[in-house]
Amino acid sequence: MAALFEAATLGFRDYQVSKDHRPINVDPADLARFRWPVTAIASISHRITGVVLFVGIAFILFAFDMSLSTEAGFLALAEMLGSPVGQLIAFGLLAALGYHFVAGIKHLLMDMEIGETLEGGAFAAKTTLLLGGIVVLLAGIWVLQV
């Protein structure tokens, strides 16, 4: 039985031993050394902002409930949003919403078959990152002024 197992796995073992020097396991530290294409950066950022918005809905619903319950709740929420932590949360949610909106427009244009070539995709990703950065900057300015 052992001989049959060795005969069956012999090809698999030969496949595992290769002269290819690519890494088999990727550490999180390796992710910073990769040269990511601009399209991948835009796509990953879009996914991350979607997750931030999904988690942030709990904070948004809590804030709406608190602001609409009583006048004291509204004043407490206004005080919380005036604190540095509240401003950071507000900025994070607004920045995620802004970038996610811009990237969503890019996806709608791609659904209409606009910019589906490699060059068009790279241009759309760069434009998305630029416009998203502008929206994030404007969100930061707005949160600091309020």
Protein backbone atom coordinates (compact mmCIF):
# COMPACT_ATOMS: atom_id res chain seq x y z
CA MET A 1 0.00 0.00 0.00
CA ALA A 2 2.85 2.42 0.83
CA ALA A 3 4.45 1.67 -2.54
CA LEU A 4 1.19 2.49 -4.30
CA PHE A 5 0.96 5.81 -2.41
CA GLU A 6 4.56 6.70 -3.33
CA ALA A 7 3.93 5.85 -6.97
CA ALA A 8 0.79 7.99 -7.01
CA THR A 9 2.46 11.01 -5.38
CA LEU A 10 5.74 10.81 -7.28
CA GLY A 11 4.52 13.16 -10.01
CA PHE A 12 3.15 15.57 -7.41
CA ARG A 13 6.47 15.74 -5.59
CA ASP A 14 8.26 16.41 -8.85
CA TYR A 15 5.83 19.22 -9.53
CA GLN A 16 6.54 20.82 -6.15
CA VAL A 17 10.30 20.88 -6.74
CA SER A 18 10.80 23.48 -9.41
CA LYS A 19 13.53 25.87 -10.40
CA ASP A 20 11.12 28.78 -10.28
CA HIS A 21 12.31 31.31 -7.72
CA ARG A 22 8.98 33.05 -7.21
CA PRO A 23 7.79 33.19 -3.60
CA ILE A 24 5.25 30.58 -2.60
CA ASN A 25 4.01 32.36 0.51
CA VAL A 26 3.44 36.11 0.62
CA ASP A 27 3.96 37.90 3.90
CA PRO A 28 2.14 41.17 4.64
CA ALA A 29 5.54 42.90 4.49
CA ASP A 30 5.91 41.66 0.90
CA LEU A 31 2.76 43.53 -0.11
CA ALA A 32 4.52 46.86 0.37
CA ARG A 33 7.35 45.77 -1.97
CA PHE A 34 5.07 44.86 -4.86
CA ARG A 35 4.76 47.30 -7.72
CA TRP A 36 0.99 47.57 -7.88
CA PRO A 37 -0.63 48.72 -11.13
CA VAL A 38 -2.65 51.91 -10.81
CA THR A 39 -5.80 49.99 -11.74
CA ALA A 40 -5.26 47.61 -8.81
CA ILE A 41 -4.75 50.50 -6.40
CA ALA A 42 -7.98 52.15 -7.55
CA SER A 43 -9.89 48.87 -7.33
CA ILE A 44 -8.60 47.92 -3.89
CA SER A 45 -9.30 51.44 -2.61
CA HIS A 46 -12.86 51.17 -3.92
CA ARG A 47 -13.36 47.89 -2.05
CA ILE A 48 -11.84 49.26 1.17
CA THR A 49 -14.08 52.33 1.10
CA GLY A 50 -17.08 50.06 0.57
CA VAL A 51 -16.19 48.10 3.70
CA VAL A 52 -15.64 51.34 5.66
CA LEU A 53 -19.07 52.58 4.57
CA PHE A 54 -20.69 49.27 5.49
CA VAL A 55 -19.20 49.36 8.99
CA GLY A 56 -19.85 53.11 9.26
CA ILE A 57 -23.58 52.63 8.74
CA ALA A 58 -23.77 51.53 12.39
CA PHE A 59 -22.29 54.88 13.50
CA ILE A 60 -24.54 56.81 11.12
CA LEU A 61 -27.69 55.05 12.35
CA PHE A 62 -26.64 55.58 15.97
CA ALA A 63 -26.10 59.30 15.27
CA PHE A 64 -29.48 59.65 13.55
CA ASP A 65 -31.23 57.88 16.40
CA MET A 66 -29.46 59.97 19.00
CA SER A 67 -30.13 63.26 17.20
CA LEU A 68 -33.81 62.57 16.67
CA SER A 69 -34.62 61.11 20.10
CA THR A 70 -34.50 64.25 22.27
CA GLU A 71 -33.08 67.74 22.26
CA ALA A 72 -30.50 66.66 24.84
CA GLY A 73 -29.48 63.78 22.55
CA PHE A 74 -29.05 66.20 19.67
CA LEU A 75 -26.85 68.49 21.77
CA ALA A 76 -24.80 65.53 23.01
CA LEU A 77 -24.27 64.38 19.42
CA ALA A 78 -23.24 67.87 18.35
CA GLU A 79 -20.72 67.91 21.19
CA MET A 80 -19.39 64.47 20.21
CA LEU A 81 -18.99 65.50 16.57
CA GLY A 82 -17.11 68.60 17.71
CA SER A 83 -14.48 66.51 19.49
CA PRO A 84 -11.35 65.36 17.62
CA VAL A 85 -12.52 61.73 17.61
CA GLY A 86 -15.92 62.74 16.26
CA GLN A 87 -14.29 64.85 13.57
CA LEU A 88 -12.03 61.95 12.63
CA ILE A 89 -15.01 59.60 12.32
CA ALA A 90 -16.94 62.17 10.29
CA PHE A 91 -13.94 62.75 8.03
CA GLY A 92 -13.37 59.02 7.56
CA LEU A 93 -16.97 58.40 6.58
CA LEU A 94 -17.15 61.43 4.28
CA ALA A 95 -13.81 60.56 2.64
CA ALA A 96 -14.91 56.97 2.09
CA LEU A 97 -18.23 58.11 0.69
CA GLY A 98 -16.58 60.62 -1.64
CA TYR A 99 -14.01 58.20 -3.05
CA HIS A 100 -16.55 55.39 -3.32
CA PHE A 101 -18.88 57.71 -5.25
CA VAL A 102 -16.14 58.74 -7.71
CA ALA A 103 -15.05 55.12 -8.23
CA GLY A 104 -18.68 54.10 -8.68
CA ILE A 105 -19.04 56.66 -11.49
CA LYS A 106 -15.94 55.12 -13.11
CA HIS A 107 -17.57 51.69 -12.92
CA LEU A 108 -20.79 53.04 -14.45
CA LEU A 109 -18.77 54.44 -17.35
CA MET A 110 -17.01 51.10 -17.77
CA ASP A 111 -20.40 49.37 -17.81
CA MET A 112 -21.26 51.58 -20.79
CA GLU A 113 -18.04 50.27 -22.42
CA ILE A 114 -16.19 53.56 -22.02
CA GLY A 115 -12.50 53.14 -21.21
CA GLU A 116 -12.33 49.35 -21.34
CA THR A 117 -8.93 49.16 -23.04
CA LEU A 118 -5.75 48.83 -20.99
CA GLU A 119 -4.83 52.45 -21.65
CA GLY A 120 -8.39 53.62 -20.97
CA GLY A 121 -8.52 51.64 -17.73
CA ALA A 122 -5.22 53.11 -16.53
CA PHE A 123 -6.40 56.63 -17.42
CA ALA A 124 -9.73 56.06 -15.65
CA ALA A 125 -7.94 54.74 -12.56
CA LYS A 126 -5.59 57.74 -12.44
CA THR A 127 -8.52 60.11 -12.91
CA THR A 128 -10.46 58.31 -10.17
CA LEU A 129 -7.55 58.58 -7.75
CA LEU A 130 -7.06 62.26 -8.59
CA LEU A 131 -10.74 63.21 -8.28
CA GLY A 132 -11.09 61.01 -5.19
CA GLY A 133 -8.13 62.79 -3.61
CA ILE A 134 -9.71 66.16 -4.34
CA VAL A 135 -13.00 65.02 -2.77
CA VAL A 136 -11.16 63.69 0.30
CA LEU A 137 -9.32 66.99 0.64
CA LEU A 138 -12.58 68.93 0.38
CA ALA A 139 -14.16 66.64 2.98
CA GLY A 140 -11.28 67.35 5.34
CA ILE A 141 -11.62 71.09 4.86
CA TRP A 142 -15.37 70.91 5.44
CA VAL A 143 -15.06 68.81 8.62
CA LEU A 144 -12.43 71.17 10.07
CA GLN A 145 -14.60 74.23 9.39
CA VAL A 146 -17.76 72.83 10.97
